Amino acid sequence: MKKIDINQLEIKEISNTLLYTSIVESLLFTSGEPLKLKDIAAILECSSEFAEELMEKLKLEYEDSSRGIKLISINDEYQLVTKPENSQYVQRLLKVNTRQSLSQAALETLAIVAYKQPITRVSIDEIRGVKSDRAIATLLDRGFIKESGRLEVAGRPMLFSTTDKFLIHFGLENLSQMPSLDDLFNMDSDLTITESDNEDNIEDNK
């Protein structure tokens, strides 16, 4: 009798987990924005520990290479994102205007900030060999980088770092998952255009 009861409890537990997983997927899909773990727990009326365990199980399910989306977590916030390797097809669906994408100059600047952060504009200019004012302004406007304090030297120049939007865009959970520089440039065709490169180069060399 006890064995039957134990089996029934296990079946009930699996059933409840599947139900919660289904609910979480609906929440993430409907939100479209990152959801805090505490908010997910509150909606499910469960503990944060159970919610976190549930999210980790769901994350593993999405790691299947055949899935087109993945679940990422940044600062205890969870969000569904498309896999970077599918970006060119998503771009076709959304009919993204290539003029809104990043130029080569902006890509170079973004890579430098990503790997050298926090970093000043002068240091970025020294690495690139040209001025980067316009590229930095573009990245700030697009939300890929942010001002993150000032360097405690004469003039106290502004420091720049990447944002959570940068991590989400590249499907990363933290900076330790950063790819090689070559992979960074090739991860997302949506970021690269040629039409405004000449404009950036003219601006940068002024």
Protein backbone atom coordinates (compact mmCIF):
# COMPACT_ATOMS: atom_id res chain seq x y z
CA MET A 1 0.00 0.00 0.00
CA LYS A 2 2.84 2.34 0.90
CA LYS A 3 4.53 1.59 -2.42
CA ILE A 4 1.39 2.60 -4.29
CA ASP A 5 1.13 5.81 -2.26
CA ILE A 6 4.76 6.68 -3.01
CA ASN A 7 4.23 6.10 -6.73
CA GLN A 8 1.11 8.23 -6.66
CA LEU A 9 3.04 11.03 -4.94
CA GLU A 10 5.80 10.84 -7.55
CA ILE A 11 3.27 11.00 -10.38
CA LYS A 12 1.55 13.95 -8.71
CA GLU A 13 4.91 15.73 -8.28
CA ILE A 14 5.80 15.23 -11.95
CA SER A 15 2.36 16.43 -12.96
CA ASN A 16 2.70 19.57 -10.82
CA THR A 17 6.16 20.30 -12.25
CA LEU A 18 4.84 20.04 -15.81
CA LEU A 19 1.97 22.35 -14.90
CA TYR A 20 4.30 24.93 -13.38
CA THR A 21 6.63 24.69 -16.36
CA SER A 22 3.71 25.34 -18.69
CA ILE A 23 2.66 28.36 -16.64
CA VAL A 24 6.18 29.79 -16.57
CA GLU A 25 6.51 29.46 -20.35
CA SER A 26 3.26 31.37 -20.75
CA LEU A 27 4.48 34.10 -18.39
CA LEU A 28 7.81 34.50 -20.18
CA PHE A 29 6.18 34.52 -23.61
CA THR A 30 3.53 37.05 -22.61
CA SER A 31 5.96 39.34 -20.81
CA GLY A 32 8.54 39.65 -23.56
CA GLU A 33 10.75 41.26 -20.93
CA PRO A 34 12.97 39.69 -18.24
CA LEU A 35 11.01 38.42 -15.23
CA LYS A 36 12.48 38.53 -11.74
CA LEU A 37 12.69 35.21 -9.90
CA LYS A 38 10.79 36.66 -6.92
CA ASP A 39 7.93 37.75 -9.21
CA ILE A 40 7.73 34.29 -10.77
CA ALA A 41 7.62 32.73 -7.30
CA ALA A 42 4.92 35.17 -6.21
CA ILE A 43 2.73 34.40 -9.23
CA LEU A 44 3.15 30.64 -8.75
CA GLU A 45 2.64 31.05 -5.00
CA CYS A 46 5.72 28.98 -4.26
CA SER A 47 9.11 29.49 -2.61
CA SER A 48 11.99 31.21 -4.41
CA GLU A 49 13.99 28.01 -4.03
CA PHE A 50 11.34 25.95 -5.83
CA ALA A 51 10.98 28.61 -8.53
CA GLU A 52 14.74 28.66 -9.10
CA GLU A 53 14.87 24.87 -9.34
CA LEU A 54 12.00 24.99 -11.83
CA MET A 55 13.74 27.62 -13.96
CA GLU A 56 16.99 25.64 -14.03
CA LYS A 57 15.12 22.53 -15.21
CA LEU A 58 13.41 24.58 -17.91
CA LYS A 59 16.74 26.07 -18.96
CA LEU A 60 18.17 22.57 -19.45
CA GLU A 61 15.21 21.62 -21.63
CA TYR A 62 15.85 24.60 -23.89
CA GLU A 63 19.53 23.70 -24.27
CA ASP A 64 18.50 21.03 -26.75
CA SER A 65 20.29 22.03 -29.97
CA SER A 66 17.13 21.48 -32.01
CA ARG A 67 15.24 24.22 -30.14
CA GLY A 68 15.03 27.67 -31.67
CA ILE A 69 14.85 29.54 -28.39
CA LYS A 70 16.78 29.46 -25.13
CA LEU A 71 16.17 30.58 -21.57
CA ILE A 72 18.78 32.90 -20.09
CA SER A 73 19.09 34.38 -16.61
CA ILE A 74 20.82 37.63 -15.73
CA ASN A 75 20.83 39.00 -12.18
CA ASP A 76 18.00 36.67 -11.10
CA GLU A 77 15.90 37.72 -14.10
CA TYR A 78 14.78 35.21 -16.73
CA GLN A 79 13.93 35.75 -20.38
CA LEU A 80 13.26 33.69 -23.49
CA VAL A 81 15.47 34.70 -26.44
CA THR A 82 16.03 33.36 -29.94
CA LYS A 83 19.27 31.54 -30.65
CA PRO A 84 21.90 33.83 -32.21
CA GLU A 85 22.52 31.41 -35.08
CA ASN A 86 18.92 31.94 -36.26
CA SER A 87 19.13 35.75 -36.28
CA GLN A 88 19.29 36.12 -40.07
CA TYR A 89 15.95 34.34 -40.42
CA VAL A 90 14.35 36.35 -37.63
CA GLN A 91 15.63 39.47 -39.37
CA ARG A 92 13.85 38.44 -42.57
CA LEU A 93 10.58 38.00 -40.67
CA LEU A 94 10.87 41.36 -38.95
CA LYS A 95 12.16 42.99 -42.14
CA VAL A 96 14.75 44.90 -40.13
CA ASN A 97 15.99 48.06 -41.80
CA THR A 98 19.73 47.55 -42.26
CA ARG A 99 20.29 51.26 -41.64
CA GLN A 100 19.33 50.61 -38.02
CA SER A 101 22.08 48.02 -37.58
CA LEU A 102 25.57 48.68 -36.29
CA SER A 103 28.42 49.76 -38.53
CA GLN A 104 31.85 48.13 -38.51
CA ALA A 105 33.17 51.06 -36.47
CA ALA A 106 30.48 50.55 -33.83
CA LEU A 107 31.12 46.79 -33.79
CA GLU A 108 34.82 47.35 -33.23
CA THR A 109 34.06 49.75 -30.40
CA LEU A 110 31.55 47.36 -28.83
CA ALA A 111 34.09 44.52 -28.89
CA ILE A 112 36.72 46.72 -27.24
CA VAL A 113 34.32 47.80 -24.49
CA ALA A 114 33.17 44.20 -23.96
CA TYR A 115 36.68 42.85 -23.46
CA LYS A 116 38.37 45.85 -21.81
CA GLN A 117 35.59 47.25 -19.62
CA PRO A 118 35.43 49.53 -17.83
CA ILE A 119 37.28 51.66 -20.37
CA THR A 120 37.56 55.34 -21.29
CA ARG A 121 36.91 56.90 -24.69
CA VAL A 122 40.59 57.86 -24.99
CA SER A 123 41.66 54.24 -24.46
CA ILE A 124 39.14 53.09 -27.07
CA ASP A 125 40.52 55.66 -29.52
CA GLU A 126 44.08 54.48 -28.86
CA ILE A 127 43.18 50.85 -29.55
CA ARG A 128 41.23 51.65 -32.72
CA GLY A 129 43.64 54.30 -33.96
CA VAL A 130 40.80 56.71 -34.76
CA LYS A 131 38.22 58.74 -32.83
CA SER A 132 35.22 56.77 -31.62
CA ASP A 133 32.81 59.51 -30.52
CA ARG A 134 30.09 58.63 -33.01
CA ALA A 135 30.40 54.87 -32.44
CA ILE A 136 30.14 55.35 -28.66
CA ALA A 137 27.10 57.62 -29.08
CA THR A 138 25.44 54.98 -31.27
CA LEU A 139 26.10 52.19 -28.76
CA LEU A 140 24.79 54.33 -25.89
CA ASP A 141 21.67 55.15 -27.90
CA ARG A 142 21.08 51.47 -28.73
CA GLY A 143 21.59 50.48 -25.09
CA PHE A 144 24.53 48.12 -25.67
CA ILE A 145 26.90 50.14 -23.47
CA LYS A 146 26.46 52.51 -20.53
CA GLU A 147 28.38 55.11 -18.55
CA SER A 148 29.74 53.32 -15.48
CA GLY A 149 31.55 55.93 -13.44
CA ARG A 150 34.71 57.97 -13.87
CA LEU A 151 38.38 57.09 -13.77
CA GLU A 152 40.06 58.68 -10.76
CA VAL A 153 42.78 60.53 -12.68
CA ALA A 154 43.21 64.11 -13.88
CA GLY A 155 40.08 65.19 -15.75
CA ARG A 156 38.12 62.18 -14.39
CA PRO A 157 37.23 60.73 -17.83
CA MET A 158 34.00 58.74 -18.22
CA LEU A 159 34.19 54.94 -18.11
CA PHE A 160 32.06 52.71 -20.34
CA SER A 161 30.80 49.15 -19.78
CA THR A 162 28.38 46.78 -21.51
CA THR A 163 24.74 46.45 -20.39
CA ASP A 164 22.34 43.59 -19.72
CA LYS A 165 20.86 44.31 -23.16
CA PHE A 166 24.25 43.44 -24.65
CA LEU A 167 24.23 40.09 -22.82
CA ILE A 168 20.65 39.33 -23.86
CA HIS A 169 21.30 40.27 -27.50
CA PHE A 170 24.18 37.80 -27.71
CA GLY A 171 22.41 35.12 -25.66
CA LEU A 172 24.87 35.36 -22.76
CA GLU A 173 24.10 35.07 -19.06
CA ASN A 174 27.29 36.74 -17.86
CA LEU A 175 30.59 38.09 -19.17
CA SER A 176 32.40 34.84 -18.39
CA GLN A 177 30.51 33.30 -21.33
CA MET A 178 31.98 35.83 -23.75
CA PRO A 179 33.07 34.21 -27.03
CA SER A 180 36.33 34.88 -28.83
CA LEU A 181 36.59 38.18 -30.70
CA ASP A 182 36.15 36.45 -34.06
CA ASP A 183 33.02 34.66 -32.83
CA LEU A 184 31.63 37.93 -31.45
CA PHE A 185 31.80 39.52 -34.88
CA ASN A 186 30.20 36.50 -36.54
CA MET A 187 27.47 35.69 -33.99
CA ASP A 188 24.86 38.11 -35.30
CA SER A 189 24.60 39.21 -38.93
CA ASP A 190 21.92 41.70 -37.87
CA LEU A 191 24.62 43.85 -36.31
CA THR A 192 26.70 44.41 -39.44
CA ILE A 193 26.06 46.75 -42.38
CA THR A 194 28.19 48.47 -44.97
CA GLU A 195 26.06 51.45 -45.95
CA SER A 196 27.04 53.62 -42.98
CA ASP A 197 30.62 52.38 -42.55
CA ASN A 198 32.04 55.07 -44.77
CA GLU A 199 30.09 57.71 -42.87
CA ASP A 200 31.47 56.45 -39.55
CA ASN A 201 35.00 56.33 -40.88
CA ILE A 202 34.75 59.89 -42.16
CA GLU A 203 33.34 61.02 -38.80
CA ASP A 204 35.93 59.06 -36.79
CA ASN A 205 38.86 60.49 -38.72
CA LYS A 206 37.79 64.11 -38.29
